[in-house]
Amino acid sequence: MMRTILPPIRSIELRDRLSELLKEALRMENRTASLYLRRSFGDIMSRQRQPAAGDELQAELSAATDRINAYCRVLELVSRRRLGSAGPVERALEEAAYLFNEGLFFEVHEILETVWLTQEGGIRLLLQGLIQIAVGFYHLENRNLGGALSLLIEGVEKVNAYDPDRSRSGLGQFLAEIERARLSIESLGEAACDRFDRRMIPRMPFIGAHCRT
């Protein structure tokens, strides 16, 4: 079951700043990463509190703080990662699973897109499908119902095409639950942005060990 979904960051500038901080902290891969993240976030917010700062950024302090707390939970899991010397795709998939399961859908896109751009064949298809699923839920949180439904459909199709039997990766249950969630969103229509039960969003399995080209 999905954690409570975090409120979206409405300011694109702030959203992108936080995402970049997360990527920097993930590259550190040690237990100082969370401290770095919190200090850097404090610096950003102290600048936003200056008189010249806009009201929009001021109003998002609570949502941004919730996001930083979720980032720190992800960093704690990453610090105990089991992959060791695994390649960039496997590492990105592990990080993406942790992020997805915290409801950090935009950040899943940011982490997976970096490796997606370098891949070919089946892995590229898998990565694109997972990106589309995450961005589908991101669109829902931003009240873009059409974008949410179309990307959830396309994402499931791509992941199915990557691994039609889904026997090794744990993707079968994940995709089935994504489809149930999509049907619920579709049935609710415009009310889905407010009424869809976010607990229907499944946890993403860690599939890095099952990657195939």
C-alpha atoms as a PDB file:
ATOM      1  CA  MET A   1       0.000   0.000   0.000  1.00  0.00           C
ATOM      2  CA  MET A   2       1.213   3.476  -0.917  1.00  0.00           C
ATOM      3  CA  ARG A   3       2.167   5.982   1.749  1.00  0.00           C
ATOM      4  CA  THR A   4       0.052   9.107   2.028  1.00  0.00           C
ATOM      5  CA  ILE A   5       0.782  11.057  -1.148  1.00  0.00           C
ATOM      6  CA  LEU A   6       2.754  14.223  -0.602  1.00  0.00           C
ATOM      7  CA  PRO A   7       1.164  17.523  -1.620  1.00  0.00           C
ATOM      8  CA  PRO A   8       2.540  18.677  -4.970  1.00  0.00           C
ATOM      9  CA  ILE A   9       5.014  21.512  -5.310  1.00  0.00           C
ATOM     10  CA  ARG A  10       3.229  24.098  -7.435  1.00  0.00           C
ATOM     11  CA  SER A  11       6.309  26.212  -8.108  1.00  0.00           C
ATOM     12  CA  ILE A  12       8.295  24.628 -10.937  1.00  0.00           C
ATOM     13  CA  GLU A  13      11.375  26.538  -9.793  1.00  0.00           C
ATOM     14  CA  LEU A  14      11.203  25.119  -6.276  1.00  0.00           C
ATOM     15  CA  ARG A  15      10.286  21.633  -7.505  1.00  0.00           C
ATOM     16  CA  ASP A  16      13.332  21.575  -9.759  1.00  0.00           C
ATOM     17  CA  ARG A  17      15.639  22.927  -7.045  1.00  0.00           C
ATOM     18  CA  LEU A  18      14.578  20.191  -4.643  1.00  0.00           C
ATOM     19  CA  SER A  19      14.951  17.502  -7.295  1.00  0.00           C
ATOM     20  CA  GLU A  20      18.489  18.669  -8.087  1.00  0.00           C
ATOM     21  CA  LEU A  21      19.351  18.580  -4.378  1.00  0.00           C
ATOM     22  CA  LEU A  22      18.103  15.012  -4.201  1.00  0.00           C
ATOM     23  CA  LYS A  23      20.237  13.961  -7.169  1.00  0.00           C
ATOM     24  CA  GLU A  24      23.293  15.570  -5.605  1.00  0.00           C
ATOM     25  CA  ALA A  25      22.643  13.786  -2.308  1.00  0.00           C
ATOM     26  CA  LEU A  26      22.138  10.434  -4.050  1.00  0.00           C
ATOM     27  CA  ARG A  27      25.530  10.786  -5.722  1.00  0.00           C
ATOM     28  CA  MET A  28      27.158  11.196  -2.294  1.00  0.00           C
ATOM     29  CA  GLU A  29      26.121   7.693  -1.187  1.00  0.00           C
ATOM     30  CA  ASN A  30      27.050   8.051   2.452  1.00  0.00           C
ATOM     31  CA  ARG A  31      25.358   8.935   5.692  1.00  0.00           C
ATOM     32  CA  THR A  32      26.262  12.608   5.375  1.00  0.00           C
ATOM     33  CA  ALA A  33      23.888  12.911   2.396  1.00  0.00           C
ATOM     34  CA  SER A  34      20.824  13.631   4.541  1.00  0.00           C
ATOM     35  CA  LEU A  35      22.697  16.295   6.498  1.00  0.00           C
ATOM     36  CA  TYR A  36      23.833  17.894   3.246  1.00  0.00           C
ATOM     37  CA  LEU A  37      20.269  17.806   1.948  1.00  0.00           C
ATOM     38  CA  ARG A  38      18.778  19.433   5.042  1.00  0.00           C
ATOM     39  CA  ARG A  39      21.448  22.134   5.194  1.00  0.00           C
ATOM     40  CA  SER A  40      21.052  22.956   1.508  1.00  0.00           C
ATOM     41  CA  PHE A  41      17.276  23.079   1.877  1.00  0.00           C
ATOM     42  CA  GLY A  42      17.665  25.418   4.849  1.00  0.00           C
ATOM     43  CA  ASP A  43      19.800  27.728   2.719  1.00  0.00           C
ATOM     44  CA  ILE A  44      17.167  27.768  -0.028  1.00  0.00           C
ATOM     45  CA  MET A  45      14.329  28.521   2.344  1.00  0.00           C
ATOM     46  CA  SER A  46      16.227  31.234   4.178  1.00  0.00           C
ATOM     47  CA  ARG A  47      16.670  33.016   0.869  1.00  0.00           C
ATOM     48  CA  GLN A  48      12.987  32.565   0.074  1.00  0.00           C
ATOM     49  CA  ARG A  49      12.042  34.243   3.372  1.00  0.00           C
ATOM     50  CA  GLN A  50      13.726  37.461   2.338  1.00  0.00           C
ATOM     51  CA  PRO A  51      11.320  40.337   1.607  1.00  0.00           C
ATOM     52  CA  ALA A  52      11.872  40.007  -2.126  1.00  0.00           C
ATOM     53  CA  ALA A  53      10.618  36.418  -2.155  1.00  0.00           C
ATOM     54  CA  GLY A  54       7.239  35.739  -3.753  1.00  0.00           C
ATOM     55  CA  ASP A  55       4.174  34.704  -1.757  1.00  0.00           C
ATOM     56  CA  GLU A  56       3.863  31.506  -3.790  1.00  0.00           C
ATOM     57  CA  LEU A  57       7.212  30.136  -2.621  1.00  0.00           C
ATOM     58  CA  GLN A  58       6.526  31.188   0.961  1.00  0.00           C
ATOM     59  CA  ALA A  59       3.248  29.267   0.943  1.00  0.00           C
ATOM     60  CA  GLU A  60       4.965  26.056  -0.162  1.00  0.00           C
ATOM     61  CA  LEU A  61       7.293  25.762   2.821  1.00  0.00           C
ATOM     62  CA  SER A  62       5.227  23.001   4.433  1.00  0.00           C
ATOM     63  CA  ALA A  63       4.963  20.958   1.223  1.00  0.00           C
ATOM     64  CA  ALA A  64       8.673  21.387   0.559  1.00  0.00           C
ATOM     65  CA  THR A  65       9.568  20.303   4.101  1.00  0.00           C
ATOM     66  CA  ASP A  66       7.451  17.152   3.714  1.00  0.00           C
ATOM     67  CA  ARG A  67       9.335  16.391   0.521  1.00  0.00           C
ATOM     68  CA  ILE A  68      12.736  16.829   2.130  1.00  0.00           C
ATOM     69  CA  ASN A  69      11.692  14.451   4.921  1.00  0.00           C
ATOM     70  CA  ALA A  70      10.684  11.884   2.288  1.00  0.00           C
ATOM     71  CA  TYR A  71      14.010  12.390   0.491  1.00  0.00           C
ATOM     72  CA  CYS A  72      15.823  11.630   3.735  1.00  0.00           C
ATOM     73  CA  ARG A  73      13.895   8.383   4.153  1.00  0.00           C
ATOM     74  CA  VAL A  74      14.971   7.403   0.642  1.00  0.00           C
ATOM     75  CA  LEU A  75      18.584   8.321   1.360  1.00  0.00           C
ATOM     76  CA  GLU A  76      18.536   6.115   4.455  1.00  0.00           C
ATOM     77  CA  LEU A  77      17.426   3.169   2.329  1.00  0.00           C
ATOM     78  CA  VAL A  78      20.017   3.961  -0.329  1.00  0.00           C
ATOM     79  CA  SER A  79      22.757   4.072   2.317  1.00  0.00           C
ATOM     80  CA  ARG A  80      21.912   0.414   3.034  1.00  0.00           C
ATOM     81  CA  ARG A  81      21.561  -0.524  -0.626  1.00  0.00           C
ATOM     82  CA  ARG A  82      22.313  -4.103  -1.506  1.00  0.00           C
ATOM     83  CA  LEU A  83      23.598  -3.550  -5.024  1.00  0.00           C
ATOM     84  CA  GLY A  84      27.191  -2.603  -4.291  1.00  0.00           C
ATOM     85  CA  SER A  85      28.969  -2.514  -7.635  1.00  0.00           C
ATOM     86  CA  ALA A  86      25.808  -2.777  -9.766  1.00  0.00           C
ATOM     87  CA  GLY A  87      25.558  -0.784 -12.976  1.00  0.00           C
ATOM     88  CA  PRO A  88      23.782   2.536 -13.460  1.00  0.00           C
ATOM     89  CA  VAL A  89      20.491   1.016 -14.655  1.00  0.00           C
ATOM     90  CA  GLU A  90      20.139  -1.309 -11.667  1.00  0.00           C
ATOM     91  CA  ARG A  91      21.057   1.479  -9.273  1.00  0.00           C
ATOM     92  CA  ALA A  92      18.561   3.854 -10.861  1.00  0.00           C
ATOM     93  CA  LEU A  93      15.806   1.224 -10.723  1.00  0.00           C
ATOM     94  CA  GLU A  94      16.444   0.646  -7.035  1.00  0.00           C
ATOM     95  CA  GLU A  95      16.361   4.381  -6.311  1.00  0.00           C
ATOM     96  CA  ALA A  96      13.222   4.739  -8.433  1.00  0.00           C
ATOM     97  CA  ALA A  97      11.435   2.052  -6.418  1.00  0.00           C
ATOM     98  CA  TYR A  98      12.255   3.807  -3.138  1.00  0.00           C
ATOM     99  CA  LEU A  99      11.084   7.139  -4.577  1.00  0.00           C
ATOM    100  CA  PHE A 100       7.890   5.749  -6.097  1.00  0.00           C
ATOM    101  CA  ASN A 101       6.972   4.101  -2.809  1.00  0.00           C
ATOM    102  CA  GLU A 102       7.255   7.493  -1.090  1.00  0.00           C
ATOM    103  CA  GLY A 103       4.921   9.026  -3.677  1.00  0.00           C
ATOM    104  CA  LEU A 104       7.776  11.023  -5.226  1.00  0.00           C
ATOM    105  CA  PHE A 105       6.603  10.553  -8.783  1.00  0.00           C
ATOM    106  CA  PHE A 106       8.314  13.544 -10.387  1.00  0.00           C
ATOM    107  CA  GLU A 107      11.615  12.458  -8.859  1.00  0.00           C
ATOM    108  CA  VAL A 108      11.187   8.942 -10.312  1.00  0.00           C
ATOM    109  CA  HIS A 109      11.043  10.587 -13.726  1.00  0.00           C
ATOM    110  CA  GLU A 110      14.188  12.606 -13.044  1.00  0.00           C
ATOM    111  CA  ILE A 111      16.222   9.600 -11.862  1.00  0.00           C
ATOM    112  CA  LEU A 112      15.122   7.174 -14.590  1.00  0.00           C
ATOM    113  CA  GLU A 113      15.303   9.627 -17.482  1.00  0.00           C
ATOM    114  CA  THR A 114      19.042  10.073 -16.934  1.00  0.00           C
ATOM    115  CA  VAL A 115      19.719   6.398 -17.654  1.00  0.00           C
ATOM    116  CA  TRP A 116      16.883   5.999 -20.183  1.00  0.00           C
ATOM    117  CA  LEU A 117      18.672   8.448 -22.484  1.00  0.00           C
ATOM    118  CA  THR A 118      21.716   6.160 -22.604  1.00  0.00           C
ATOM    119  CA  GLN A 119      19.954   2.830 -23.206  1.00  0.00           C
ATOM    120  CA  GLU A 120      18.667   0.843 -26.168  1.00  0.00           C
ATOM    121  CA  GLY A 121      16.380  -2.119 -26.697  1.00  0.00           C
ATOM    122  CA  GLY A 122      14.333  -3.733 -23.979  1.00  0.00           C
ATOM    123  CA  ILE A 123      15.822  -1.834 -21.048  1.00  0.00           C
ATOM    124  CA  ARG A 124      14.992   1.469 -22.714  1.00  0.00           C
ATOM    125  CA  LEU A 125      11.392   0.282 -23.140  1.00  0.00           C
ATOM    126  CA  LEU A 126      11.163  -0.747 -19.475  1.00  0.00           C
ATOM    127  CA  LEU A 127      12.564   2.547 -18.250  1.00  0.00           C
ATOM    128  CA  GLN A 128      10.231   4.569 -20.462  1.00  0.00           C
ATOM    129  CA  GLY A 129       7.232   2.582 -19.270  1.00  0.00           C
ATOM    130  CA  LEU A 130       8.089   3.101 -15.604  1.00  0.00           C
ATOM    131  CA  ILE A 131       8.680   6.806 -16.246  1.00  0.00           C
ATOM    132  CA  GLN A 132       5.255   7.100 -17.873  1.00  0.00           C
ATOM    133  CA  ILE A 133       3.528   5.331 -14.977  1.00  0.00           C
ATOM    134  CA  ALA A 134       5.174   7.653 -12.448  1.00  0.00           C
ATOM    135  CA  VAL A 135       4.408  10.760 -14.502  1.00  0.00           C
ATOM    136  CA  GLY A 136       0.818   9.559 -14.877  1.00  0.00           C
ATOM    137  CA  PHE A 137       0.354   9.767 -11.114  1.00  0.00           C
ATOM    138  CA  TYR A 138       2.258  13.061 -11.052  1.00  0.00           C
ATOM    139  CA  HIS A 139      -0.254  14.457 -13.552  1.00  0.00           C
ATOM    140  CA  LEU A 140      -3.114  13.268 -11.342  1.00  0.00           C
ATOM    141  CA  GLU A 141      -1.686  15.181  -8.381  1.00  0.00           C
ATOM    142  CA  ASN A 142      -1.543  18.256 -10.606  1.00  0.00           C
ATOM    143  CA  ARG A 143      -5.162  17.775 -11.728  1.00  0.00           C
ATOM    144  CA  ASN A 144      -4.319  16.796 -15.312  1.00  0.00           C
ATOM    145  CA  LEU A 145      -6.726  13.886 -15.630  1.00  0.00           C
ATOM    146  CA  GLY A 146      -6.287  13.312 -19.363  1.00  0.00           C
ATOM    147  CA  GLY A 147      -2.516  13.248 -19.089  1.00  0.00           C
ATOM    148  CA  ALA A 148      -2.703  10.868 -16.124  1.00  0.00           C
ATOM    149  CA  LEU A 149      -4.901   8.317 -17.880  1.00  0.00           C
ATOM    150  CA  SER A 150      -3.034   8.350 -21.188  1.00  0.00           C
ATOM    151  CA  LEU A 151       0.389   7.927 -19.581  1.00  0.00           C
ATOM    152  CA  LEU A 152      -0.783   5.136 -17.267  1.00  0.00           C
ATOM    153  CA  ILE A 153      -2.089   3.244 -20.313  1.00  0.00           C
ATOM    154  CA  GLU A 154       1.091   3.809 -22.334  1.00  0.00           C
ATOM    155  CA  GLY A 155       3.359   2.976 -19.406  1.00  0.00           C
ATOM    156  CA  VAL A 156       1.672  -0.344 -18.664  1.00  0.00           C
ATOM    157  CA  GLU A 157       1.798  -1.257 -22.372  1.00  0.00           C
ATOM    158  CA  LYS A 158       5.534  -0.597 -22.556  1.00  0.00           C
ATOM    159  CA  VAL A 159       6.406  -2.530 -19.400  1.00  0.00           C
ATOM    160  CA  ASN A 160       4.241  -5.422 -20.626  1.00  0.00           C
ATOM    161  CA  ALA A 161       6.088  -5.355 -23.939  1.00  0.00           C
ATOM    162  CA  TYR A 162       9.432  -5.470 -22.106  1.00  0.00           C
ATOM    163  CA  ASP A 163       8.501  -8.535 -20.046  1.00  0.00           C
ATOM    164  CA  PRO A 164       5.351 -10.241 -21.394  1.00  0.00           C
ATOM    165  CA  ASP A 165       5.362 -13.147 -18.928  1.00  0.00           C
ATOM    166  CA  ARG A 166       6.559 -11.014 -15.950  1.00  0.00           C
ATOM    167  CA  SER A 167       7.473 -14.259 -14.185  1.00  0.00           C
ATOM    168  CA  ARG A 168      10.798 -13.164 -12.702  1.00  0.00           C
ATOM    169  CA  SER A 169      10.509  -9.532 -11.825  1.00  0.00           C
ATOM    170  CA  GLY A 170       7.410  -9.138  -9.662  1.00  0.00           C
ATOM    171  CA  LEU A 171       5.977  -6.841 -12.304  1.00  0.00           C
ATOM    172  CA  GLY A 172       2.794  -8.848 -12.825  1.00  0.00           C
ATOM    173  CA  GLN A 173       1.086  -7.824  -9.598  1.00  0.00           C
ATOM    174  CA  PHE A 174       2.419  -4.276  -9.870  1.00  0.00           C
ATOM    175  CA  LEU A 175       0.981  -3.791 -13.367  1.00  0.00           C
ATOM    176  CA  ALA A 176      -2.328  -5.415 -12.425  1.00  0.00           C
ATOM    177  CA  GLU A 177      -2.697  -3.009  -9.504  1.00  0.00           C
ATOM    178  CA  ILE A 178      -1.725  -0.053 -11.691  1.00  0.00           C
ATOM    179  CA  GLU A 179      -4.484  -1.070 -14.092  1.00  0.00           C
ATOM    180  CA  ARG A 180      -7.024  -1.325 -11.253  1.00  0.00           C
ATOM    181  CA  ALA A 181      -5.991   2.132 -10.090  1.00  0.00           C
ATOM    182  CA  ARG A 182      -6.330   3.510 -13.613  1.00  0.00           C
ATOM    183  CA  LEU A 183      -9.822   2.044 -14.002  1.00  0.00           C
ATOM    184  CA  SER A 184     -10.842   3.613 -10.693  1.00  0.00           C
ATOM    185  CA  ILE A 185      -9.507   7.000 -11.827  1.00  0.00           C
ATOM    186  CA  GLU A 186     -11.300   6.646 -15.149  1.00  0.00           C
ATOM    187  CA  SER A 187     -14.606   5.729 -13.501  1.00  0.00           C
ATOM    188  CA  LEU A 188     -14.449   8.771 -11.213  1.00  0.00           C
ATOM    189  CA  GLY A 189     -13.936  11.150 -14.122  1.00  0.00           C
ATOM    190  CA  GLU A 190     -13.169  14.745 -13.199  1.00  0.00           C
ATOM    191  CA  ALA A 191     -13.811  13.934  -9.541  1.00  0.00           C
ATOM    192  CA  ALA A 192     -10.786  11.600  -9.513  1.00  0.00           C
ATOM    193  CA  CYS A 193      -8.360  14.398  -8.665  1.00  0.00           C
ATOM    194  CA  ASP A 194     -10.100  14.750  -5.293  1.00  0.00           C
ATOM    195  CA  ARG A 195     -11.793  11.405  -4.715  1.00  0.00           C
ATOM    196  CA  PHE A 196      -9.395   8.755  -6.018  1.00  0.00           C
ATOM    197  CA  ASP A 197      -8.158   6.572  -3.157  1.00  0.00           C
ATOM    198  CA  ARG A 198      -4.367   6.976  -3.326  1.00  0.00           C
ATOM    199  CA  ARG A 199      -3.991   3.797  -1.280  1.00  0.00           C
ATOM    200  CA  MET A 200      -4.766   1.955  -4.529  1.00  0.00           C
ATOM    201  CA  ILE A 201      -1.395   3.000  -5.938  1.00  0.00           C
ATOM    202  CA  PRO A 202       0.802  -0.098  -5.490  1.00  0.00           C
ATOM    203  CA  ARG A 203       4.353  -0.232  -4.245  1.00  0.00           C
ATOM    204  CA  MET A 204       6.887  -0.553  -7.040  1.00  0.00           C
ATOM    205  CA  PRO A 205       8.922  -3.769  -6.764  1.00  0.00           C
ATOM    206  CA  PHE A 206      12.687  -3.688  -6.981  1.00  0.00           C
ATOM    207  CA  ILE A 207      13.362  -5.209 -10.389  1.00  0.00           C
ATOM    208  CA  GLY A 208      17.009  -4.373 -10.994  1.00  0.00           C
ATOM    209  CA  ALA A 209      18.215  -7.899 -10.402  1.00  0.00           C
ATOM    210  CA  HIS A 210      15.890  -9.126 -13.171  1.00  0.00           C
ATOM    211  CA  CYS A 211      16.892  -6.642 -15.875  1.00  0.00           C
ATOM    212  CA  ARG A 212      17.457  -8.035 -19.310  1.00  0.00           C
ATOM    213  CA  THR A 213      18.403  -6.311 -22.532  1.00  0.00           C
END
